[in-house]
C-alpha atoms as a PDB file:
ATOM      1  CA  MET A   1     316.060  50.690 264.190  1.00  0.00           C
ATOM      2  CA  GLU A   2     313.715  48.393 262.334  1.00  0.00           C
ATOM      3  CA  ILE A   3     311.988  49.917 259.305  1.00  0.00           C
ATOM      4  CA  LEU A   4     308.868  47.725 259.395  1.00  0.00           C
ATOM      5  CA  THR A   5     307.572  47.810 262.912  1.00  0.00           C
ATOM      6  CA  LYS A   6     304.530  45.854 263.966  1.00  0.00           C
ATOM      7  CA  GLU A   7     302.381  48.994 264.027  1.00  0.00           C
ATOM      8  CA  LEU A   8     303.476  49.995 260.539  1.00  0.00           C
ATOM      9  CA  THR A   9     302.810  46.502 259.235  1.00  0.00           C
ATOM     10  CA  GLN A  10     299.329  46.513 260.762  1.00  0.00           C
ATOM     11  CA  GLU A  11     298.613  49.932 259.246  1.00  0.00           C
ATOM     12  CA  ILE A  12     299.710  48.760 255.787  1.00  0.00           C
ATOM     13  CA  LEU A  13     297.488  45.689 256.111  1.00  0.00           C
ATOM     14  CA  ARG A  14     294.564  47.819 257.219  1.00  0.00           C
ATOM     15  CA  LEU A  15     294.957  50.222 254.305  1.00  0.00           C
ATOM     16  CA  THR A  16     295.377  47.532 251.656  1.00  0.00           C
ATOM     17  CA  TRP A  17     294.227  43.967 252.274  1.00  0.00           C
ATOM     18  CA  ARG A  18     291.386  44.871 254.586  1.00  0.00           C
ATOM     19  CA  ASN A  19     290.165  47.656 252.309  1.00  0.00           C
ATOM     20  CA  PRO A  20     287.103  46.473 250.364  1.00  0.00           C
ATOM     21  CA  ILE A  21     287.765  48.754 247.392  1.00  0.00           C
ATOM     22  CA  PHE A  22     291.348  47.532 247.057  1.00  0.00           C
ATOM     23  CA  MET A  23     290.230  43.921 247.330  1.00  0.00           C
ATOM     24  CA  ALA A  24     287.518  44.403 244.699  1.00  0.00           C
ATOM     25  CA  ILE A  25     290.064  45.875 242.284  1.00  0.00           C
ATOM     26  CA  ALA A  26     292.609  43.141 243.060  1.00  0.00           C
ATOM     27  CA  ILE A  27     290.068  40.363 242.503  1.00  0.00           C
ATOM     28  CA  ALA A  28     288.852  42.003 239.289  1.00  0.00           C
ATOM     29  CA  LEU A  29     292.408  42.229 237.971  1.00  0.00           C
ATOM     30  CA  ILE A  30     293.148  38.620 238.888  1.00  0.00           C
ATOM     31  CA  TRP A  31     289.947  37.627 237.089  1.00  0.00           C
ATOM     32  CA  LEU A  32     290.258  39.841 233.991  1.00  0.00           C
ATOM     33  CA  ILE A  33     293.944  39.756 233.034  1.00  0.00           C
ATOM     34  CA  PRO A  34     294.040  36.011 232.216  1.00  0.00           C
ATOM     35  CA  GLN A  35     290.776  36.328 230.298  1.00  0.00           C
ATOM     36  CA  LEU A  36     292.196  39.150 228.177  1.00  0.00           C
ATOM     37  CA  LEU A  37     295.348  37.162 227.452  1.00  0.00           C
ATOM     38  CA  ILE A  38     293.384  34.050 226.502  1.00  0.00           C
ATOM     39  CA  ARG A  39     291.039  36.097 224.325  1.00  0.00           C
ATOM     40  CA  LYS A  40     293.984  37.652 222.478  1.00  0.00           C
ATOM     41  CA  ILE A  41     295.566  34.241 221.842  1.00  0.00           C
ATOM     42  CA  MET A  42     292.264  32.748 220.679  1.00  0.00           C
ATOM     43  CA  SER A  43     291.657  35.707 218.368  1.00  0.00           C
ATOM     44  CA  LYS A  44     295.098  35.294 216.802  1.00  0.00           C
ATOM     45  CA  ASN A  45     294.517  31.581 216.252  1.00  0.00           C
ATOM     46  CA  TYR A  46     291.092  32.287 214.735  1.00  0.00           C
ATOM     47  CA  GLU A  47     292.549  34.775 212.266  1.00  0.00           C
ATOM     48  CA  LYS A  48     295.299  32.337 211.223  1.00  0.00           C
ATOM     49  CA  ARG A  49     292.759  29.555 210.757  1.00  0.00           C
ATOM     50  CA  LYS A  50     290.456  31.872 208.785  1.00  0.00           C
ATOM     51  CA  ILE A  51     293.262  32.855 206.393  1.00  0.00           C
ATOM     52  CA  GLU A  52     294.284  29.205 205.952  1.00  0.00           C
ATOM     53  CA  ILE A  53     290.706  28.195 205.095  1.00  0.00           C
ATOM     54  CA  GLN A  54     290.476  31.080 202.636  1.00  0.00           C
ATOM     55  CA  LYS A  55     293.724  29.984 200.952  1.00  0.00           C
ATOM     56  CA  ASN A  56     292.437  26.415 200.692  1.00  0.00           C
ATOM     57  CA  ASN A  57     289.165  27.571 199.154  1.00  0.00           C
ATOM     58  CA  ILE A  58     291.008  29.687 196.587  1.00  0.00           C
ATOM     59  CA  GLN A  59     293.255  26.738 195.692  1.00  0.00           C
ATOM     60  CA  LYS A  60     290.162  24.588 195.132  1.00  0.00           C
ATOM     61  CA  LEU A  61     288.738  27.177 192.744  1.00  0.00           C
ATOM     62  CA  TYR A  62     291.991  27.636 190.821  1.00  0.00           C
ATOM     63  CA  PRO A  63     293.911  24.357 190.907  1.00  0.00           C
ATOM     64  CA  LYS A  64     297.448  24.314 189.589  1.00  0.00           C
ATOM     65  CA  THR A  65     297.676  22.643 186.209  1.00  0.00           C
ATOM     66  CA  PRO A  66     300.892  20.833 185.227  1.00  0.00           C
ATOM     67  CA  LYS A  67     302.628  22.267 182.161  1.00  0.00           C
END
């Protein structure tokens, strides 16, 4: 006995891929997840760069003097 018959496969397709609500959610997830990941990476890089610039500015104000 085959578990996935043709009728069952067609029913699964009808309930998922041909369902407009499911497709809207799937497309939204495919669109949003990479954007969220990229935004998180860019935010991390921005914070690192901001701290580095701040350190450089502080070093310019208080240069190390040789003893």
